[in-house]
């Protein structure tokens, strides 16, 4: 099995929700937990610009 699941914070056999699939495949490759990450950033006082910024890609 590849490394992709761990990078996304998922475990083998873990159920993937419709919202996670929509984030990953339907919205230009967003993280499956993008909604949760953004909500956490907002709760910590981040601006919308910072909360919605794309994460750096892993070139390695």
Protein backbone atom coordinates (compact mmCIF):
# COMPACT_ATOMS: atom_id res chain seq x y z
CA UNK A 1 0.00 0.00 0.00
CA UNK A 2 1.19 3.55 -0.72
CA UNK A 3 1.91 6.40 1.67
CA UNK A 4 -1.08 8.55 0.66
CA UNK A 5 -3.42 7.57 3.46
CA UNK A 6 -1.04 8.51 6.26
CA UNK A 7 -0.22 11.83 4.62
CA UNK A 8 -3.95 12.65 4.60
CA UNK A 9 -4.45 11.54 8.19
CA UNK A 10 -6.42 8.42 7.21
CA UNK A 11 -5.89 4.81 8.22
CA UNK A 12 -6.38 1.69 6.08
CA UNK A 13 -9.99 0.57 6.33
CA UNK A 14 -11.20 3.94 7.66
CA UNK A 15 -14.45 5.12 6.12
CA UNK A 16 -14.14 8.13 3.84
CA UNK A 17 -17.10 10.49 3.82
CA UNK A 18 -18.79 12.03 0.81
CA UNK A 19 -17.57 15.47 1.94
CA UNK A 20 -13.97 14.22 2.11
CA UNK A 21 -14.18 12.78 -1.41
CA UNK A 22 -15.72 16.01 -2.68
CA UNK A 23 -12.85 17.98 -1.11
CA UNK A 24 -10.19 15.67 -2.48
CA UNK A 25 -11.48 15.16 -6.01
CA UNK A 26 -14.10 17.83 -6.65
CA UNK A 27 -12.45 21.01 -5.40
CA UNK A 28 -9.01 21.05 -6.96
CA UNK A 29 -7.36 18.60 -4.61
CA UNK A 30 -8.32 20.03 -1.23
CA UNK A 31 -7.34 18.06 1.86
CA UNK A 32 -10.13 15.62 2.88
CA UNK A 33 -10.32 17.39 6.25
CA UNK A 34 -10.13 20.92 4.74
CA UNK A 35 -13.43 21.95 6.32
CA UNK A 36 -12.25 20.90 9.78
CA UNK A 37 -8.83 22.52 9.33
CA UNK A 38 -10.41 25.80 8.21
CA UNK A 39 -12.88 25.76 11.12
CA UNK A 40 -10.01 25.20 13.57
CA UNK A 41 -8.09 28.11 12.07
CA UNK A 42 -11.14 30.38 12.31
CA UNK A 43 -11.65 29.34 15.94
CA UNK A 44 -8.05 30.37 16.64
CA UNK A 45 -8.72 33.80 15.09
CA UNK A 46 -7.21 33.30 11.63
CA UNK A 47 -8.37 35.55 8.82
CA UNK A 48 -10.34 34.04 5.93
CA UNK A 49 -7.33 34.62 3.66
CA UNK A 50 -5.09 32.57 5.95
CA UNK A 51 -7.68 29.87 6.67
CA UNK A 52 -8.42 29.24 2.97
CA UNK A 53 -4.85 29.41 1.66
CA UNK A 54 -3.60 26.30 -0.09
CA UNK A 55 -1.24 24.11 1.86
CA UNK A 56 2.30 23.78 0.51
CA UNK A 57 2.71 20.72 -1.66
CA UNK A 58 5.08 17.95 -0.67
CA UNK A 59 7.61 17.66 -3.46
CA UNK A 60 9.45 14.79 -1.75
